[in-house]
Amino acid sequence: MKKGWILLGALLSISFGSDAQINSKAYATMLDALYKKTVPLMSVATLQKQPDAILLDTRTKEEYNVSHLPGAKWVGYDEFELNRVTDVPKDGNIVVYCSVGYRSEKVGEKLLAAGYQHVHNLYGSLFEWVNEGNPVVDGKGKPTQRVHAYSRLWGIWLKRGEKVYE
């Protein structure tokens, strides 16, 4: 079933092209199929009300350097290890994110298994954050409009910002 929704995303990217504005219902449907829901989800609106949240970016270092949520710490995905979060309290309010939420869910699972108590996956992740008009910063902490769109297939879900694929 999940593969079917991912295939639908691929077909939409072919049908509409990379500059298409996909409505949020299609994005929500894709996310619903993608997530296993093993890590509680947190909306962008809820995150904005939580100034104490510890943000962990689970994308590649290259993606993080293009842009990330202000104050986020890079922890990676393929290279993620628990020793990267030894400074994060196990009872802290942790929010993990990636491009759309798949990789961050996997890292969130590892954090929960290691005893971290309050871990949430940002619903829609960086794409949702940017699509809702929120700011991002580059690797030097400076505001930017550039957003790593992961790939042209996944980039169809990013409606705002300057898409970067390198």
Protein backbone atom coordinates (compact mmCIF):
# COMPACT_ATOMS: atom_id res chain seq x y z
CA MET A 1 0.00 0.00 0.00
CA LYS A 2 2.74 2.48 0.94
CA LYS A 3 4.61 1.75 -2.25
CA GLY A 4 1.42 2.58 -4.13
CA TRP A 5 1.30 6.05 -2.59
CA ILE A 6 4.95 6.64 -3.30
CA LEU A 7 4.28 5.58 -6.89
CA LEU A 8 1.41 8.06 -6.95
CA GLY A 9 3.88 10.77 -5.92
CA ALA A 10 6.17 9.78 -8.76
CA LEU A 11 3.29 9.91 -11.22
CA LEU A 12 2.24 13.33 -9.94
CA SER A 13 5.75 14.63 -10.47
CA ILE A 14 5.70 13.39 -14.04
CA SER A 15 2.18 14.66 -14.70
CA PHE A 16 2.50 18.09 -13.13
CA GLY A 17 6.21 18.81 -13.51
CA SER A 18 8.58 19.99 -10.84
CA ASP A 19 7.09 23.51 -10.58
CA ALA A 20 3.54 22.34 -9.86
CA GLN A 21 1.67 23.54 -6.81
CA ILE A 22 0.35 20.32 -5.25
CA ASN A 23 -2.53 20.91 -2.85
CA SER A 24 -2.06 20.09 0.82
CA LYS A 25 -4.55 17.21 0.71
CA ALA A 26 -2.28 15.33 -1.72
CA TYR A 27 0.71 16.05 0.53
CA ALA A 28 -1.21 14.84 3.59
CA THR A 29 -2.23 11.66 1.77
CA MET A 30 1.36 10.97 0.77
CA LEU A 31 2.59 11.57 4.33
CA ASP A 32 -0.10 9.33 5.79
CA ALA A 33 1.08 6.50 3.53
CA LEU A 34 4.76 7.17 4.25
CA TYR A 35 4.67 7.33 8.05
CA LYS A 36 4.49 4.22 10.21
CA LYS A 37 3.43 6.49 13.10
CA THR A 38 5.92 4.87 15.46
CA VAL A 39 6.95 8.34 16.68
CA PRO A 40 4.29 10.83 17.78
CA LEU A 41 3.76 13.62 15.26
CA MET A 42 3.94 17.32 16.04
CA SER A 43 2.49 20.00 13.79
CA VAL A 44 4.36 23.13 12.74
CA ALA A 45 1.80 25.22 14.67
CA THR A 46 2.44 23.24 17.86
CA LEU A 47 6.20 23.47 17.43
CA GLN A 48 5.95 27.26 17.11
CA LYS A 49 4.38 27.36 20.59
CA GLN A 50 7.25 25.39 22.14
CA PRO A 51 10.34 27.57 22.47
CA ASP A 52 12.06 24.90 24.59
CA ALA A 53 11.98 22.29 21.80
CA ILE A 54 15.28 20.65 20.95
CA LEU A 55 15.39 20.44 17.15
CA LEU A 56 17.35 17.60 15.56
CA ASP A 57 17.94 17.65 11.80
CA THR A 58 18.26 14.10 10.45
CA ARG A 59 19.19 14.93 6.84
CA THR A 60 22.64 14.82 5.26
CA LYS A 61 25.18 17.43 6.28
CA GLU A 62 24.96 18.89 2.75
CA GLU A 63 21.18 19.32 3.07
CA TYR A 64 21.60 20.88 6.53
CA ASN A 65 24.20 23.35 5.24
CA VAL A 66 21.85 24.57 2.50
CA SER A 67 19.21 25.40 5.14
CA HIS A 68 17.69 24.19 8.36
CA LEU A 69 15.32 25.32 11.09
CA PRO A 70 16.86 28.04 13.25
CA GLY A 71 18.54 26.51 16.29
CA ALA A 72 18.50 22.96 14.92
CA LYS A 73 21.34 20.57 15.62
CA TRP A 74 22.52 18.29 12.83
CA VAL A 75 22.57 14.60 13.76
CA GLY A 76 22.30 12.92 10.34
CA TYR A 77 20.47 9.83 9.18
CA ASP A 78 22.80 7.22 7.67
CA GLU A 79 25.55 8.40 10.00
CA PHE A 80 23.31 8.90 13.05
CA GLU A 81 24.73 7.52 16.30
CA LEU A 82 23.50 8.05 19.84
CA ASN A 83 26.81 9.66 20.80
CA ARG A 84 25.68 12.70 18.75
CA VAL A 85 22.94 13.41 21.29
CA THR A 86 24.73 12.82 24.60
CA ASP A 87 24.19 16.52 25.40
CA VAL A 88 20.42 16.19 24.89
CA PRO A 89 18.52 15.40 28.11
CA LYS A 90 16.50 12.18 27.96
CA ASP A 91 13.48 14.08 29.31
CA GLY A 92 13.91 16.99 26.88
CA ASN A 93 11.24 18.06 24.39
CA ILE A 94 12.85 16.65 21.22
CA VAL A 95 11.54 17.29 17.71
CA VAL A 96 13.20 15.44 14.83
CA TYR A 97 12.78 16.43 11.20
CA CYS A 98 14.13 15.78 7.70
CA SER A 99 12.66 16.78 4.33
CA VAL A 100 9.21 15.20 4.66
CA GLY A 101 9.45 13.08 7.83
CA TYR A 102 10.50 9.59 6.75
CA ARG A 103 14.15 9.69 7.83
CA SER A 104 13.33 11.61 10.99
CA GLU A 105 10.78 8.98 12.00
CA LYS A 106 13.54 6.34 11.81
CA VAL A 107 15.90 8.42 13.96
CA GLY A 108 13.03 9.14 16.36
CA GLU A 109 12.51 5.40 16.76
CA LYS A 110 16.17 5.02 17.78
CA LEU A 111 15.87 7.85 20.30
CA LEU A 112 12.75 6.33 21.85
CA ALA A 113 14.44 2.91 22.03
CA ALA A 114 17.40 4.56 23.81
CA GLY A 115 15.13 5.96 26.52
CA TYR A 116 14.42 9.48 25.29
CA GLN A 117 10.96 10.20 26.64
CA HIS A 118 9.49 13.13 24.67
CA VAL A 119 10.37 12.61 21.01
CA HIS A 120 8.17 13.95 18.22
CA ASN A 121 8.46 13.82 14.45
CA LEU A 122 7.67 17.17 12.80
CA TYR A 123 4.68 16.53 10.55
CA GLY A 124 5.69 17.29 6.96
CA SER A 125 9.12 18.20 8.30
CA LEU A 126 11.20 20.94 6.64
CA PHE A 127 8.96 21.08 3.56
CA GLU A 128 5.88 21.78 5.69
CA TRP A 129 7.82 24.32 7.77
CA VAL A 130 8.87 26.23 4.66
CA ASN A 131 5.51 25.80 2.88
CA GLU A 132 3.86 27.52 5.84
CA GLY A 133 6.18 30.52 5.38
CA ASN A 134 8.57 29.94 8.27
CA PRO A 135 12.23 30.99 8.15
CA VAL A 136 15.26 28.79 7.59
CA VAL A 137 18.95 29.54 7.99
CA ASP A 138 22.03 28.31 6.15
CA GLY A 139 25.06 26.50 7.55
CA LYS A 140 26.41 29.81 8.89
CA GLY A 141 23.16 30.69 10.63
CA LYS A 142 22.17 33.38 8.11
CA PRO A 143 18.57 33.60 6.80
CA THR A 144 18.11 32.06 3.36
CA GLN A 145 15.42 31.21 0.84
CA ARG A 146 17.35 28.16 -0.38
CA VAL A 147 15.93 24.75 0.55
CA HIS A 148 17.44 21.40 -0.33
CA ALA A 149 14.58 19.60 -2.06
CA TYR A 150 16.24 16.16 -1.78
CA SER A 151 15.37 15.14 -5.35
CA ARG A 152 13.21 16.36 -8.22
CA LEU A 153 10.67 13.66 -7.31
CA TRP A 154 10.35 14.84 -3.72
CA GLY A 155 10.79 18.50 -4.67
CA ILE A 156 7.23 18.64 -6.01
CA TRP A 157 6.03 18.85 -2.41
CA LEU A 158 8.06 22.01 -1.70
CA LYS A 159 5.91 25.01 -2.67
CA ARG A 160 8.06 27.87 -1.33
CA GLY A 161 11.72 28.71 -1.27
CA GLU A 162 14.44 28.29 -3.85
CA LYS A 163 14.84 24.58 -4.54
CA VAL A 164 18.38 23.23 -4.41
CA TYR A 165 19.28 19.72 -5.56
CA GLU A 166 23.08 19.71 -5.23
